[in-house]
Amino acid sequence: MTGTTMTKQIHLTRRSPAYWRVTFDHPPLNIFGPETIPQLNEIITALETDEQVKVVVFDSAVDGFFLTHYNFVAKPEDSQLPPGPTGLPPIPDMFVRLSRAPVVSIVSIRGRATGVGSELALASDMRFASRERAILSQWEVGAGLVPGGGPMARLPRLIGRGRALEVLLGADDIGGNLAELYGYVNRSLPDAELDAFVDALAVRISSFDKQAMADTKRLVNLNSLPPDAEIAPEWDALTAALGRPASQARLRSLFERGFHKPGDVETRLGYHVGLLGAR
């Protein structure tokens, strides 16, 4: 039986008991804020505890944006949330739990996966991207910040140290083709073929035995996932960076250019953070 549960920013659609779709739908930019955290946490908890679900696909209903950065205009007190079950702050906690859940997680990236969106993709088991329309970005260093959701721990394991440093310190936009070449995504596909490919893969996986899949993923995790001790310092570094005057000045400059609003800054964030230190 197929059913749909809707929240303000996220739609959970059960294509079947074994195959779920999670769709981000927070126009115009799919910005991730403190109000998104409990909604995503509810879904992560369901993935951990539901006995039938075997595969989940994350995608977006917002044209041009898969999932973007954190909401920097949210009230500070709204972002001061208690740690999750792992003891980590809420966002890295959810991503760690997603990586370890006995469910196969797939992201289908069409549009920008910026900051939190990139970190969700890295925490998922597989990543597939639109060749023409996907953009991945860890933009934070360009704004004087430090990424907080685990990319320093995950990216070097995935694409190697040099390329990880290029992505993180270059703070630029990475298109679908380059993301595939680097191993940032499993593969990029023509935009017209992305949905059918991801859906067919998810349906195929959902037909397999859950215990066999969960055991296989658990053993792969032993050889590939970073320990929590590597994830925790990233959030502390982000928090510290947000308090630095130099970082605040760069963020103000970015807001003056049009950050957090539909337009060229959000569409070409990598380009614009590269201008913040220009003389």
Protein backbone atom coordinates (compact mmCIF):
# COMPACT_ATOMS: atom_id res chain seq x y z
CA MET A 1 0.00 0.00 0.00
CA THR A 2 1.36 3.42 -0.94
CA GLY A 3 0.91 6.43 1.33
CA THR A 4 2.29 9.93 1.66
CA THR A 5 3.15 11.90 4.79
CA MET A 6 3.77 15.59 4.30
CA THR A 7 5.56 18.07 6.52
CA LYS A 8 6.27 21.72 5.95
CA GLN A 9 9.58 21.24 4.18
CA ILE A 10 9.91 17.52 3.54
CA HIS A 11 7.65 15.00 1.83
CA LEU A 12 7.99 11.33 2.72
CA THR A 13 6.48 9.10 0.04
CA ARG A 14 6.35 5.34 0.48
CA ARG A 15 6.55 3.94 -3.03
CA SER A 16 6.26 0.55 -1.34
CA PRO A 17 6.90 -0.70 2.20
CA ALA A 18 10.52 -1.36 1.14
CA TYR A 19 11.19 1.76 -0.98
CA TRP A 20 10.80 5.31 0.36
CA ARG A 21 11.39 8.71 -1.26
CA VAL A 22 12.28 11.80 0.78
CA THR A 23 11.76 15.05 -1.14
CA PHE A 24 12.98 18.43 0.05
CA ASP A 25 10.40 21.08 -0.76
CA HIS A 26 11.25 24.43 0.82
CA PRO A 27 11.18 26.98 -2.01
CA PRO A 28 12.72 29.10 -3.27
CA LEU A 29 16.20 27.82 -2.24
CA ASN A 30 15.74 24.69 -0.10
CA ILE A 31 17.65 26.33 2.75
CA PHE A 32 18.12 24.04 5.74
CA GLY A 33 17.16 25.67 9.04
CA PRO A 34 16.48 24.78 12.67
CA GLU A 35 12.86 24.00 11.82
CA THR A 36 14.05 21.40 9.29
CA ILE A 37 16.02 19.45 11.90
CA PRO A 38 13.11 17.75 13.72
CA GLN A 39 11.45 16.96 10.40
CA LEU A 40 14.54 15.20 9.05
CA ASN A 41 15.22 13.59 12.41
CA GLU A 42 11.77 12.01 12.35
CA ILE A 43 12.57 10.46 8.98
CA ILE A 44 16.01 9.23 10.08
CA THR A 45 14.46 7.63 13.16
CA ALA A 46 11.86 5.90 10.98
CA LEU A 47 14.60 4.56 8.71
CA GLU A 48 16.43 3.18 11.73
CA THR A 49 13.38 1.46 13.22
CA ASP A 50 11.05 0.43 10.40
CA GLU A 51 11.40 -3.30 9.80
CA GLN A 52 10.35 -3.25 6.14
CA VAL A 53 12.13 -0.30 4.52
CA LYS A 54 15.25 -1.28 2.60
CA VAL A 55 16.11 1.74 0.45
CA VAL A 56 15.49 5.49 0.59
CA VAL A 57 16.06 8.05 -2.15
CA PHE A 58 16.53 11.75 -1.32
CA ASP A 59 15.58 14.26 -4.01
CA SER A 60 14.15 17.77 -4.42
CA ALA A 61 10.96 19.39 -5.66
CA VAL A 62 12.59 22.84 -5.94
CA ASP A 63 13.93 23.72 -9.38
CA GLY A 64 17.65 24.39 -9.33
CA PHE A 65 18.26 23.41 -5.72
CA PHE A 66 18.69 19.96 -4.17
CA LEU A 67 19.47 21.18 -0.63
CA THR A 68 21.53 24.21 0.25
CA HIS A 69 23.26 25.79 3.22
CA TYR A 70 22.11 26.43 6.76
CA ASN A 71 19.78 29.33 7.54
CA PHE A 72 22.11 32.11 8.68
CA VAL A 73 19.24 34.48 9.47
CA ALA A 74 17.62 32.10 11.96
CA LYS A 75 17.55 33.27 15.57
CA PRO A 76 20.68 31.95 17.33
CA GLU A 77 18.62 30.48 20.15
CA ASP A 78 16.59 28.43 17.66
CA SER A 79 19.80 26.71 16.52
CA GLN A 80 20.92 25.83 20.05
CA LEU A 81 19.40 22.35 20.05
CA PRO A 82 20.40 19.43 22.28
CA PRO A 83 22.68 16.68 20.98
CA GLY A 84 21.18 13.70 19.21
CA PRO A 85 21.37 10.03 20.22
CA THR A 86 25.04 9.76 19.19
CA GLY A 87 25.98 12.66 21.46
CA LEU A 88 26.85 14.79 18.43
CA PRO A 89 25.06 18.07 17.60
CA PRO A 90 21.81 17.50 15.67
CA ILE A 91 23.02 17.84 12.06
CA PRO A 92 26.16 15.68 12.29
CA ASP A 93 24.19 13.30 14.53
CA MET A 94 21.55 12.73 11.84
CA PHE A 95 24.16 12.26 9.13
CA VAL A 96 26.13 9.72 11.20
CA ARG A 97 22.93 7.79 11.92
CA LEU A 98 21.95 7.82 8.25
CA SER A 99 25.33 6.35 7.31
CA ARG A 100 24.89 3.56 9.85
CA ALA A 101 21.18 2.84 9.33
CA PRO A 102 20.37 -0.68 8.06
CA VAL A 103 18.86 0.92 4.94
CA VAL A 104 20.48 1.84 1.62
CA SER A 105 20.45 5.63 1.18
CA ILE A 106 20.71 7.21 -2.28
CA VAL A 107 20.74 10.89 -3.24
CA SER A 108 19.52 12.04 -6.63
CA ILE A 109 21.06 15.47 -7.18
CA ARG A 110 19.46 17.89 -9.61
CA GLY A 111 20.41 21.47 -8.79
CA ARG A 112 22.68 22.76 -6.05
CA ALA A 113 23.85 20.54 -3.19
CA THR A 114 25.55 23.28 -1.20
CA GLY A 115 26.93 22.98 2.34
CA VAL A 116 24.36 20.91 4.19
CA GLY A 117 23.20 19.41 0.89
CA SER A 118 26.71 18.24 0.06
CA GLU A 119 27.13 16.90 3.59
CA LEU A 120 23.90 14.91 3.35
CA ALA A 121 25.08 13.50 0.03
CA LEU A 122 28.42 12.49 1.55
CA ALA A 123 26.67 10.80 4.47
CA SER A 124 24.46 8.79 2.12
CA ASP A 125 25.52 5.47 0.67
CA MET A 126 25.31 6.41 -3.02
CA ARG A 127 25.21 9.66 -4.97
CA PHE A 128 23.89 10.18 -8.51
CA ALA A 129 23.88 13.54 -10.26
CA SER A 130 22.37 15.27 -13.25
CA ARG A 131 25.20 15.84 -15.70
CA GLU A 132 23.82 19.21 -16.79
CA ARG A 133 22.17 20.53 -13.63
CA ALA A 134 23.93 19.19 -10.54
CA ILE A 135 26.28 21.43 -8.58
CA LEU A 136 28.06 20.28 -5.41
CA SER A 137 29.78 22.78 -3.16
CA GLN A 138 31.51 23.10 0.17
CA TRP A 139 31.59 26.89 0.00
CA GLU A 140 32.23 27.68 3.64
CA VAL A 141 35.98 28.48 3.66
CA GLY A 142 35.34 31.16 1.04
CA ALA A 143 33.13 32.94 3.58
CA GLY A 144 35.62 32.53 6.43
CA LEU A 145 33.78 29.55 7.90
CA VAL A 146 34.56 25.88 8.47
CA PRO A 147 32.21 23.12 7.22
CA GLY A 148 30.52 21.49 10.20
CA GLY A 149 28.64 18.44 8.94
CA GLY A 150 31.44 15.95 8.39
CA PRO A 151 33.02 16.64 4.97
CA MET A 152 36.60 16.84 6.26
CA ALA A 153 36.21 13.32 7.66
CA ARG A 154 34.32 11.90 4.68
CA LEU A 155 35.71 13.56 1.56
CA PRO A 156 39.36 12.39 1.87
CA ARG A 157 38.14 8.78 2.23
CA LEU A 158 35.98 9.21 -0.83
CA ILE A 159 38.09 11.22 -3.27
CA GLY A 160 41.57 11.38 -1.73
CA ARG A 161 43.39 14.06 0.24
CA GLY A 162 44.42 16.36 -2.58
CA ARG A 163 41.03 16.50 -4.24
CA ALA A 164 39.31 16.88 -0.87
CA LEU A 165 41.48 19.89 -0.12
CA GLU A 166 40.72 21.30 -3.57
CA VAL A 167 36.98 21.01 -2.92
CA LEU A 168 37.12 22.34 0.64
CA LEU A 169 39.73 25.08 0.29
CA GLY A 170 38.83 26.05 -3.27
CA ALA A 171 35.24 26.51 -2.04
CA ASP A 172 34.05 26.49 -5.64
CA ASP A 173 31.15 24.90 -7.50
CA ILE A 174 31.71 21.34 -8.75
CA GLY A 175 29.57 20.34 -11.72
CA GLY A 176 28.19 16.87 -12.37
CA ASN A 177 30.91 15.72 -14.77
CA LEU A 178 33.80 16.79 -12.54
CA ALA A 179 32.05 15.36 -9.48
CA GLU A 180 31.91 11.98 -11.26
CA LEU A 181 35.55 12.23 -12.37
CA TYR A 182 36.67 12.94 -8.80
CA GLY A 183 34.43 10.29 -7.21
CA TYR A 184 32.39 12.92 -5.35
CA VAL A 185 29.35 11.14 -6.87
CA ASN A 186 29.01 7.54 -8.05
CA ARG A 187 28.20 8.74 -11.54
CA SER A 188 26.57 11.60 -13.42
CA LEU A 189 23.88 10.91 -15.97
CA PRO A 190 22.11 12.98 -18.62
CA ASP A 191 19.39 14.90 -16.83
CA ALA A 192 16.65 13.19 -18.82
CA GLU A 193 17.90 9.77 -17.65
CA LEU A 194 18.58 10.50 -13.96
CA ASP A 195 15.14 9.79 -12.50
CA ALA A 196 14.60 6.52 -14.36
CA PHE A 197 18.07 5.25 -13.46
CA VAL A 198 17.77 6.04 -9.75
CA ASP A 199 14.25 4.65 -9.56
CA ALA A 200 15.24 1.39 -11.28
CA LEU A 201 18.21 0.95 -8.95
CA ALA A 202 16.07 1.63 -5.89
CA VAL A 203 13.39 -0.81 -7.02
CA ARG A 204 16.04 -3.47 -7.67
CA ILE A 205 17.63 -3.02 -4.24
CA SER A 206 14.23 -3.01 -2.54
CA SER A 207 13.61 -6.53 -3.91
CA PHE A 208 16.60 -8.02 -2.09
CA ASP A 209 16.80 -9.54 1.39
CA LYS A 210 17.08 -6.82 4.03
CA GLN A 211 19.31 -8.78 6.41
CA ALA A 212 21.81 -9.58 3.68
CA MET A 213 21.92 -5.94 2.64
CA ALA A 214 22.18 -4.64 6.20
CA ASP A 215 25.02 -7.03 7.02
CA THR A 216 26.88 -6.11 3.84
CA LYS A 217 26.52 -2.38 4.52
CA ARG A 218 27.63 -2.85 8.15
CA LEU A 219 30.81 -4.59 7.03
CA VAL A 220 31.54 -1.95 4.37
CA ASN A 221 31.02 0.69 7.07
CA LEU A 222 33.73 -0.90 9.19
CA ASN A 223 36.22 -0.21 6.41
CA SER A 224 35.00 3.18 5.23
CA LEU A 225 33.14 5.35 7.77
CA PRO A 226 35.01 7.84 9.95
CA PRO A 227 34.66 7.44 13.72
CA ASP A 228 32.54 9.96 15.59
CA ALA A 229 35.71 11.42 17.11
CA GLU A 230 36.60 12.77 13.65
CA ILE A 231 33.15 14.27 13.08
CA ALA A 232 32.69 16.10 16.38
CA PRO A 233 35.53 18.68 16.01
CA GLU A 234 34.11 19.95 12.73
CA TRP A 235 30.99 21.36 14.37
CA ASP A 236 33.11 22.96 17.10
CA ALA A 237 35.28 24.58 14.42
CA LEU A 238 32.20 25.91 12.61
CA THR A 239 30.82 27.38 15.83
CA ALA A 240 34.14 29.05 16.58
CA ALA A 241 34.40 30.43 13.04
CA LEU A 242 30.96 32.02 13.26
CA GLY A 243 32.18 34.14 16.16
CA ARG A 244 35.24 35.55 14.41
CA PRO A 245 35.03 39.18 13.21
CA ALA A 246 36.67 38.30 9.88
CA SER A 247 34.04 35.65 9.20
CA GLN A 248 31.22 37.98 10.20
CA ALA A 249 32.59 40.63 7.80
CA ARG A 250 32.66 38.15 4.91
CA LEU A 251 29.12 36.98 5.67
CA ARG A 252 27.89 40.59 5.78
CA SER A 253 29.48 41.20 2.41
CA LEU A 254 27.83 38.09 1.03
CA PHE A 255 24.44 39.21 2.34
CA GLU A 256 24.94 42.63 0.75
CA ARG A 257 25.46 40.86 -2.59
CA GLY A 258 22.19 38.93 -2.24
CA PHE A 259 22.91 35.83 -0.13
CA HIS A 260 19.77 34.02 1.10
CA LYS A 261 17.71 35.44 -1.77
CA PRO A 262 16.88 34.03 -5.21
CA GLY A 263 19.40 35.39 -7.67
CA ASP A 264 22.95 35.16 -8.92
CA VAL A 265 24.66 34.80 -5.52
CA GLU A 266 22.78 31.64 -4.63
CA THR A 267 22.96 30.33 -8.19
CA ARG A 268 26.72 30.94 -8.46
CA LEU A 269 27.78 30.85 -4.83
CA GLY A 270 31.26 29.53 -5.60
CA TYR A 271 31.92 32.48 -7.90
CA HIS A 272 30.71 35.05 -5.38
CA VAL A 273 32.62 33.75 -2.34
CA GLY A 274 35.70 33.97 -4.55
CA LEU A 275 35.14 37.72 -4.81
CA LEU A 276 34.86 38.40 -1.07
CA GLY A 277 38.60 38.86 -0.55
CA ALA A 278 39.23 40.64 -3.85
CA ARG A 279 40.87 44.03 -3.70
